[in-house]
Amino acid sequence: MQMLFQADIGKQTPEQVRANFWKAADEVEPEVRGFAEDLFRVAVAHQEKIDALIVANSKHWRLERMPAVDRNLLRMAVGEMLASRARPSPSSSMKPWNRPPLLRLRIHQLPQRMLDAIAKGLIGK
């Protein structure tokens, strides 16, 4: 999340973010670092598609008017949905142990209806 925020607000390239982020970050387990890198890589690689899904499912909000934290949290969540091997069910009907890790951690803080709509759209694809 912080890497996406840094790229977005700091107007840094993904390469600049990768070069600088881990220098300033606390040490983490290799699995945690790998997971964070994977989320960042997927969100950056598919940003156009992710942003299009967010815009298509947001009413009365342009992407650039969304708070930066919300915008990047959505990018990360949708990126994880796209990267998931098994297509997710809409989050409102998912049992907690079946949710992708991000949704399991902060489901109550996400713009729920938008993620549900995006997940429903991904099921048929």
Foldseek 3Di string as FASTA:
>chain_A
DVLQLCCVPVVDDNVVSVVPVVVPDDDDDPVVVVVVVQLVVLLVVCVVVQQVLLVVLDPPDHLVRDPSVLSVLSSSQVSVQVPDPDQDAQPVPDDLVPDDPSCNVPVVPHPRSSSSVSSVVVNVD
